[in-house]
Amino acid sequence: MNNWKQVLFILSLCAPLTLAAQEYSEQSMRTLFTSQQERQDIEGVRQGNISSGDQSLSAPSSIVINGMVKRTNGKSVVWVNGKSTLDNSMVDGVKVYSKSIKSNNKIPVMIDGQKINLKPGEMWSEDAGVSDVGD
């Protein structure tokens, strides 16, 4: 009889844990730390898209092409505003076409719907257009 008491005691301890685990679905665990808008923004950045509601990823008023590594076979890397395109072709709201680097080392970038070709060391701003960084 004493053995049954131990079994009932153990079951009474495990039952609330089982019920608590069933209350939380996979979806509810995803939403534990982020809001729906934050998750959409994260997914948009992962896919290289910018959601229209995300003001923090709007196009910058100026960018600088800090450098590049052009590879004959493999992925070329461009640094825009000090950030690399190694993991993502979007940097600070700028789409960088590192696969389309021209023979004159001009890098096509898309800024706020406008395609611009810049060389390493060049800067683009809304006010002045394209200029050398030293100018």
N, C-alpha and C. Protein backbone atom coordinates (compact mmCIF):
# COMPACT_ATOMS: atom_id res chain seq x y z
N MET A 1 0.80 -1.19 0.00
CA MET A 1 0.00 0.00 0.00
C MET A 1 0.86 1.27 0.00
N ASN A 2 1.95 1.20 0.63
CA ASN A 2 2.86 2.33 0.70
C ASN A 2 3.40 2.70 -0.68
N ASN A 3 3.58 1.70 -1.56
CA ASN A 3 4.06 1.90 -2.93
C ASN A 3 3.07 2.73 -3.74
N TRP A 4 1.76 2.49 -3.56
CA TRP A 4 0.72 3.25 -4.28
C TRP A 4 0.74 4.72 -3.87
N LYS A 5 1.01 4.98 -2.64
CA LYS A 5 1.08 6.36 -2.16
C LYS A 5 2.23 7.10 -2.85
N GLN A 6 3.33 6.43 -3.02
CA GLN A 6 4.48 7.04 -3.69
C GLN A 6 4.16 7.33 -5.16
N VAL A 7 3.50 6.39 -5.82
CA VAL A 7 3.12 6.56 -7.22
C VAL A 7 2.16 7.73 -7.36
N LEU A 8 1.15 7.80 -6.50
CA LEU A 8 0.20 8.91 -6.54
C LEU A 8 0.87 10.25 -6.27
N PHE A 9 1.82 10.22 -5.34
CA PHE A 9 2.55 11.45 -5.03
C PHE A 9 3.36 11.94 -6.24
N ILE A 10 4.03 11.04 -6.92
CA ILE A 10 4.84 11.38 -8.10
C ILE A 10 3.93 11.87 -9.23
N LEU A 11 2.80 11.19 -9.43
CA LEU A 11 1.86 11.61 -10.46
C LEU A 11 1.28 12.99 -10.17
N SER A 12 1.02 13.26 -8.91
CA SER A 12 0.47 14.57 -8.55
C SER A 12 1.50 15.69 -8.80
N LEU A 13 2.77 15.36 -8.73
CA LEU A 13 3.81 16.35 -9.04
C LEU A 13 3.97 16.55 -10.54
N CYS A 14 3.83 15.49 -11.32
CA CYS A 14 4.05 15.55 -12.77
C CYS A 14 2.84 16.09 -13.52
N ALA A 15 1.65 15.88 -13.03
CA ALA A 15 0.44 16.29 -13.73
C ALA A 15 0.40 17.79 -14.01
N PRO A 16 0.70 18.67 -13.05
CA PRO A 16 0.68 20.12 -13.36
C PRO A 16 1.71 20.50 -14.42
N LEU A 17 2.85 19.84 -14.44
CA LEU A 17 3.86 20.14 -15.45
C LEU A 17 3.37 19.76 -16.84
N THR A 18 2.70 18.61 -16.94
CA THR A 18 2.16 18.17 -18.22
C THR A 18 1.08 19.12 -18.71
N LEU A 19 0.21 19.55 -17.83
CA LEU A 19 -0.86 20.48 -18.20
C LEU A 19 -0.28 21.84 -18.60
N ALA A 20 0.71 22.30 -17.89
CA ALA A 20 1.33 23.59 -18.21
C ALA A 20 2.03 23.53 -19.57
N ALA A 21 2.66 22.41 -19.88
CA ALA A 21 3.36 22.28 -21.16
C ALA A 21 2.37 22.25 -22.32
N GLN A 22 1.18 21.72 -22.12
CA GLN A 22 0.19 21.65 -23.18
C GLN A 22 -0.43 23.01 -23.47
N GLU A 23 -0.41 23.93 -22.53
CA GLU A 23 -1.00 25.25 -22.73
C GLU A 23 -0.21 26.09 -23.74
N TYR A 24 1.06 25.84 -23.88
CA TYR A 24 1.91 26.65 -24.74
C TYR A 24 2.18 25.93 -26.06
N SER A 25 1.74 26.53 -27.13
CA SER A 25 2.02 25.98 -28.44
C SER A 25 3.34 26.56 -28.95
N GLU A 26 3.80 26.04 -30.06
CA GLU A 26 5.03 26.56 -30.67
C GLU A 26 4.88 28.04 -31.02
N GLN A 27 3.72 28.41 -31.56
CA GLN A 27 3.47 29.80 -31.94
C GLN A 27 3.51 30.73 -30.72
N SER A 28 2.91 30.27 -29.61
CA SER A 28 2.91 31.14 -28.44
C SER A 28 4.32 31.31 -27.87
N MET A 29 5.17 30.30 -28.05
CA MET A 29 6.55 30.44 -27.59
C MET A 29 7.32 31.43 -28.46
N ARG A 30 7.00 31.48 -29.76
CA ARG A 30 7.65 32.46 -30.64
C ARG A 30 7.28 33.88 -30.26
N THR A 31 6.06 34.06 -29.82
CA THR A 31 5.59 35.40 -29.51
C THR A 31 5.90 35.82 -28.08
N LEU A 32 6.62 35.01 -27.38
CA LEU A 32 6.91 35.30 -25.99
C LEU A 32 7.74 36.58 -25.83
N PHE A 33 8.71 36.80 -26.72
CA PHE A 33 9.62 37.92 -26.55
C PHE A 33 9.48 39.01 -27.61
N THR A 34 8.76 38.76 -28.69
CA THR A 34 8.64 39.76 -29.75
C THR A 34 7.18 39.97 -30.13
N SER A 35 6.89 41.17 -30.59
CA SER A 35 5.54 41.45 -31.08
C SER A 35 5.43 40.96 -32.53
N GLN A 36 4.22 40.94 -33.05
CA GLN A 36 4.01 40.49 -34.42
C GLN A 36 4.75 41.40 -35.40
N GLN A 37 4.73 42.71 -35.18
CA GLN A 37 5.43 43.65 -36.07
C GLN A 37 6.93 43.43 -36.03
N GLU A 38 7.49 43.19 -34.84
CA GLU A 38 8.93 42.93 -34.73
C GLU A 38 9.31 41.66 -35.48
N ARG A 39 8.49 40.62 -35.40
CA ARG A 39 8.78 39.37 -36.12
C ARG A 39 8.72 39.59 -37.62
N GLN A 40 7.75 40.38 -38.11
CA GLN A 40 7.66 40.67 -39.53
C GLN A 40 8.88 41.45 -40.00
N ASP A 41 9.34 42.40 -39.19
CA ASP A 41 10.53 43.17 -39.54
C ASP A 41 11.76 42.28 -39.61
N ILE A 42 11.89 41.38 -38.65
CA ILE A 42 13.03 40.46 -38.63
C ILE A 42 13.01 39.57 -39.87
N GLU A 43 11.85 39.01 -40.19
CA GLU A 43 11.73 38.16 -41.38
C GLU A 43 12.02 38.96 -42.65
N GLY A 44 11.57 40.20 -42.71
CA GLY A 44 11.83 41.04 -43.88
C GLY A 44 13.31 41.29 -44.08
N VAL A 45 14.01 41.54 -43.01
CA VAL A 45 15.46 41.76 -43.09
C VAL A 45 16.17 40.48 -43.51
N ARG A 46 15.74 39.35 -42.97
CA ARG A 46 16.35 38.07 -43.34
C ARG A 46 16.20 37.78 -44.82
N GLN A 47 15.08 38.17 -45.39
CA GLN A 47 14.80 37.88 -46.79
C GLN A 47 15.29 38.99 -47.71
N GLY A 48 15.86 40.05 -47.15
CA GLY A 48 16.37 41.15 -47.97
C GLY A 48 15.29 42.13 -48.36
N ASN A 49 14.14 42.05 -47.76
CA ASN A 49 13.05 42.98 -48.03
C ASN A 49 12.95 43.97 -46.88
N ILE A 50 12.41 45.13 -47.18
CA ILE A 50 12.17 46.12 -46.14
C ILE A 50 10.68 46.37 -46.11
N SER A 51 10.06 46.18 -44.96
CA SER A 51 8.64 46.44 -44.88
C SER A 51 8.39 47.94 -44.88
N SER A 52 7.28 48.35 -45.47
CA SER A 52 6.98 49.77 -45.59
C SER A 52 6.75 50.42 -44.24
N GLY A 53 6.35 49.65 -43.25
CA GLY A 53 6.09 50.21 -41.93
C GLY A 53 7.32 50.36 -41.08
N ASP A 54 8.46 49.93 -41.54
CA ASP A 54 9.68 49.95 -40.73
C ASP A 54 10.46 51.22 -41.01
N GLN A 55 10.35 52.18 -40.12
CA GLN A 55 11.01 53.46 -40.32
C GLN A 55 12.51 53.39 -40.03
N SER A 56 12.94 52.43 -39.20
CA SER A 56 14.35 52.34 -38.84
C SER A 56 15.21 51.87 -40.02
N LEU A 57 14.60 51.25 -41.04
CA LEU A 57 15.35 50.76 -42.18
C LEU A 57 15.12 51.59 -43.43
N SER A 58 14.69 52.83 -43.27
CA SER A 58 14.46 53.68 -44.43
C SER A 58 15.81 54.04 -45.06
N ALA A 59 15.76 54.47 -46.31
CA ALA A 59 16.98 54.77 -47.04
C ALA A 59 17.75 55.91 -46.37
N PRO A 60 19.05 55.79 -46.31
CA PRO A 60 19.84 56.84 -45.67
C PRO A 60 19.97 58.06 -46.58
N SER A 61 20.32 59.20 -45.99
CA SER A 61 20.51 60.41 -46.78
C SER A 61 21.88 60.44 -47.43
N SER A 62 22.81 59.60 -46.96
CA SER A 62 24.13 59.49 -47.59
C SER A 62 24.73 58.12 -47.29
N ILE A 63 25.56 57.64 -48.24
CA ILE A 63 26.27 56.38 -48.04
C ILE A 63 27.70 56.53 -48.55
N VAL A 64 28.57 55.71 -48.00
CA VAL A 64 29.97 55.67 -48.42
C VAL A 64 30.31 54.22 -48.75
N ILE A 65 30.92 54.00 -49.91
CA ILE A 65 31.46 52.68 -50.24
C ILE A 65 32.87 52.64 -49.68
N ASN A 66 33.05 51.90 -48.58
CA ASN A 66 34.35 51.87 -47.90
C ASN A 66 35.35 50.96 -48.59
N GLY A 67 34.88 49.92 -49.26
CA GLY A 67 35.79 49.00 -49.92
C GLY A 67 35.06 47.80 -50.47
N MET A 68 35.83 46.93 -51.12
CA MET A 68 35.24 45.71 -51.67
C MET A 68 36.31 44.66 -51.86
N VAL A 69 35.87 43.42 -51.91
CA VAL A 69 36.71 42.29 -52.29
C VAL A 69 36.00 41.65 -53.46
N LYS A 70 36.61 41.73 -54.63
CA LYS A 70 36.01 41.21 -55.85
C LYS A 70 36.62 39.84 -56.13
N ARG A 71 35.77 38.83 -56.17
CA ARG A 71 36.23 37.46 -56.36
C ARG A 71 35.81 36.97 -57.74
N THR A 72 36.69 36.22 -58.38
CA THR A 72 36.36 35.68 -59.70
C THR A 72 35.38 34.53 -59.58
N ASN A 73 35.56 33.70 -58.57
CA ASN A 73 34.59 32.63 -58.32
C ASN A 73 34.27 32.66 -56.83
N GLY A 74 33.04 32.89 -56.52
CA GLY A 74 32.62 33.05 -55.12
C GLY A 74 31.93 34.38 -54.95
N LYS A 75 31.55 34.65 -53.76
CA LYS A 75 30.76 35.84 -53.47
C LYS A 75 31.66 37.04 -53.20
N SER A 76 31.44 38.11 -53.96
CA SER A 76 32.15 39.36 -53.70
C SER A 76 31.53 40.04 -52.49
N VAL A 77 32.34 40.83 -51.79
CA VAL A 77 31.88 41.51 -50.58
C VAL A 77 32.13 43.00 -50.73
N VAL A 78 31.14 43.80 -50.36
CA VAL A 78 31.24 45.25 -50.41
C VAL A 78 30.97 45.79 -49.01
N TRP A 79 31.71 46.85 -48.61
CA TRP A 79 31.47 47.51 -47.34
C TRP A 79 30.81 48.85 -47.60
N VAL A 80 29.62 49.01 -47.03
CA VAL A 80 28.85 50.24 -47.16
C VAL A 80 28.65 50.81 -45.76
N ASN A 81 29.05 52.06 -45.58
CA ASN A 81 28.94 52.71 -44.26
C ASN A 81 29.57 51.85 -43.17
N GLY A 82 30.68 51.18 -43.50
CA GLY A 82 31.40 50.39 -42.53
C GLY A 82 30.82 49.01 -42.26
N LYS A 83 29.77 48.63 -43.00
CA LYS A 83 29.15 47.33 -42.80
C LYS A 83 29.31 46.47 -44.04
N SER A 84 29.52 45.18 -43.83
CA SER A 84 29.79 44.25 -44.93
C SER A 84 28.51 43.65 -45.50
N THR A 85 28.59 43.25 -46.77
CA THR A 85 27.48 42.57 -47.43
C THR A 85 27.71 41.06 -47.46
N LEU A 86 28.58 40.57 -46.61
CA LEU A 86 28.89 39.14 -46.60
C LEU A 86 27.66 38.29 -46.30
N ASP A 87 26.85 38.69 -45.34
CA ASP A 87 25.69 37.91 -44.94
C ASP A 87 24.39 38.35 -45.62
N ASN A 88 24.32 39.60 -46.06
CA ASN A 88 23.07 40.13 -46.60
C ASN A 88 23.38 41.23 -47.61
N SER A 89 22.62 41.28 -48.68
CA SER A 89 22.86 42.31 -49.70
C SER A 89 22.23 43.64 -49.31
N MET A 90 21.45 43.68 -48.21
CA MET A 90 20.88 44.93 -47.72
C MET A 90 21.73 45.46 -46.58
N VAL A 91 22.15 46.72 -46.70
CA VAL A 91 22.93 47.37 -45.66
C VAL A 91 22.33 48.74 -45.42
N ASP A 92 21.84 48.97 -44.21
CA ASP A 92 21.27 50.28 -43.84
C ASP A 92 20.23 50.78 -44.84
N GLY A 93 19.37 49.90 -45.34
CA GLY A 93 18.34 50.31 -46.28
C GLY A 93 18.81 50.48 -47.70
N VAL A 94 20.03 50.02 -48.00
CA VAL A 94 20.61 50.12 -49.34
C VAL A 94 20.79 48.71 -49.88
N LYS A 95 20.27 48.44 -51.07
CA LYS A 95 20.45 47.14 -51.74
C LYS A 95 21.75 47.21 -52.54
N VAL A 96 22.68 46.30 -52.26
CA VAL A 96 23.98 46.27 -52.93
C VAL A 96 24.01 45.07 -53.87
N TYR A 97 24.31 45.32 -55.14
CA TYR A 97 24.38 44.26 -56.14
C TYR A 97 25.83 43.83 -56.31
N SER A 98 26.35 43.09 -55.33
CA SER A 98 27.76 42.71 -55.35
C SER A 98 28.07 41.70 -56.45
N LYS A 99 27.06 41.01 -56.99
CA LYS A 99 27.29 40.07 -58.09
C LYS A 99 27.41 40.80 -59.43
N SER A 100 27.08 42.09 -59.46
CA SER A 100 27.08 42.86 -60.71
C SER A 100 28.13 43.96 -60.73
N ILE A 101 29.25 43.74 -60.03
CA ILE A 101 30.32 44.74 -60.02
C ILE A 101 30.90 44.86 -61.43
N LYS A 102 31.00 46.07 -61.91
CA LYS A 102 31.47 46.34 -63.27
C LYS A 102 32.98 46.16 -63.37
N SER A 103 33.50 46.09 -64.60
CA SER A 103 34.94 45.93 -64.81
C SER A 103 35.71 47.16 -64.33
N ASN A 104 35.04 48.33 -64.27
CA ASN A 104 35.70 49.55 -63.77
C ASN A 104 35.52 49.69 -62.25
N ASN A 105 35.10 48.58 -61.60
CA ASN A 105 34.91 48.50 -60.14
C ASN A 105 33.76 49.35 -59.62
N LYS A 106 32.85 49.76 -60.49
CA LYS A 106 31.66 50.46 -60.03
C LYS A 106 30.66 49.43 -59.52
N ILE A 107 30.09 49.73 -58.38
CA ILE A 107 29.18 48.83 -57.70
C ILE A 107 27.76 49.39 -57.81
N PRO A 108 26.85 48.63 -58.42
CA PRO A 108 25.47 49.10 -58.48
C PRO A 108 24.79 48.97 -57.11
N VAL A 109 24.17 50.06 -56.66
CA VAL A 109 23.41 50.06 -55.42
C VAL A 109 22.04 50.70 -55.67
N MET A 110 21.05 50.26 -54.92
CA MET A 110 19.70 50.81 -55.03
C MET A 110 19.40 51.56 -53.75
N ILE A 111 19.19 52.87 -53.89
CA ILE A 111 18.89 53.71 -52.74
C ILE A 111 17.53 54.36 -52.97
N ASP A 112 16.57 54.01 -52.16
CA ASP A 112 15.24 54.60 -52.22
C ASP A 112 14.66 54.53 -53.64
N GLY A 113 14.83 53.38 -54.31
CA GLY A 113 14.29 53.18 -55.65
C GLY A 113 15.16 53.73 -56.77
N GLN A 114 16.28 54.31 -56.45
CA GLN A 114 17.18 54.91 -57.45
C GLN A 114 18.45 54.08 -57.53
N LYS A 115 18.81 53.62 -58.75
CA LYS A 115 20.02 52.82 -58.94
C LYS A 115 21.19 53.75 -59.23
N ILE A 116 22.27 53.57 -58.48
CA ILE A 116 23.46 54.41 -58.59
C ILE A 116 24.68 53.49 -58.65
N ASN A 117 25.69 53.87 -59.42
CA ASN A 117 26.95 53.12 -59.48
C ASN A 117 28.03 53.91 -58.76
N LEU A 118 28.64 53.28 -57.77
CA LEU A 118 29.68 53.92 -56.98
C LEU A 118 30.93 53.05 -56.93
N LYS A 119 32.08 53.70 -56.91
CA LYS A 119 33.36 53.01 -56.72
C LYS A 119 33.73 53.07 -55.23
N PRO A 120 34.59 52.15 -54.80
CA PRO A 120 35.10 52.27 -53.43
C PRO A 120 35.77 53.63 -53.23
N GLY A 121 35.47 54.26 -52.12
CA GLY A 121 36.00 55.59 -51.84
C GLY A 121 35.07 56.71 -52.26
N GLU A 122 33.98 56.37 -52.94
CA GLU A 122 33.01 57.39 -53.33
C GLU A 122 31.87 57.44 -52.34
N MET A 123 31.24 58.61 -52.29
CA MET A 123 30.14 58.84 -51.39
C MET A 123 28.96 59.36 -52.20
N TRP A 124 27.75 59.00 -51.79
CA TRP A 124 26.54 59.55 -52.40
C TRP A 124 25.72 60.19 -51.30
N SER A 125 25.19 61.37 -51.59
CA SER A 125 24.27 62.01 -50.66
C SER A 125 23.12 62.61 -51.45
N GLU A 126 21.99 62.79 -50.80
CA GLU A 126 20.82 63.37 -51.45
C GLU A 126 21.13 64.77 -51.97
N ASP A 127 21.91 65.52 -51.23
CA ASP A 127 22.20 66.91 -51.59
C ASP A 127 23.22 67.04 -52.72
N ALA A 128 24.34 66.30 -52.60
CA ALA A 128 25.46 66.51 -53.51
C ALA A 128 25.57 65.47 -54.62
N GLY A 129 24.86 64.35 -54.51
CA GLY A 129 25.01 63.29 -55.50
C GLY A 129 26.27 62.49 -55.19
N VAL A 130 27.01 62.09 -56.24
CA VAL A 130 28.21 61.26 -56.09
C VAL A 130 29.44 62.17 -55.99
N SER A 131 30.30 61.86 -55.00
CA SER A 131 31.55 62.60 -54.86
C SER A 131 32.58 61.70 -54.18
N ASP A 132 33.86 62.08 -54.29
CA ASP A 132 34.90 61.34 -53.58
C ASP A 132 34.78 61.65 -52.09
N VAL A 133 35.19 60.69 -51.26
CA VAL A 133 35.09 60.88 -49.82
C VAL A 133 35.94 62.06 -49.37
N GLY A 134 37.08 62.28 -49.99
CA GLY A 134 37.97 63.35 -49.60
C GLY A 134 37.51 64.74 -50.02
N ASP A 135 36.50 64.82 -50.87
CA ASP A 135 36.04 66.15 -51.35
C ASP A 135 35.30 66.91 -50.29
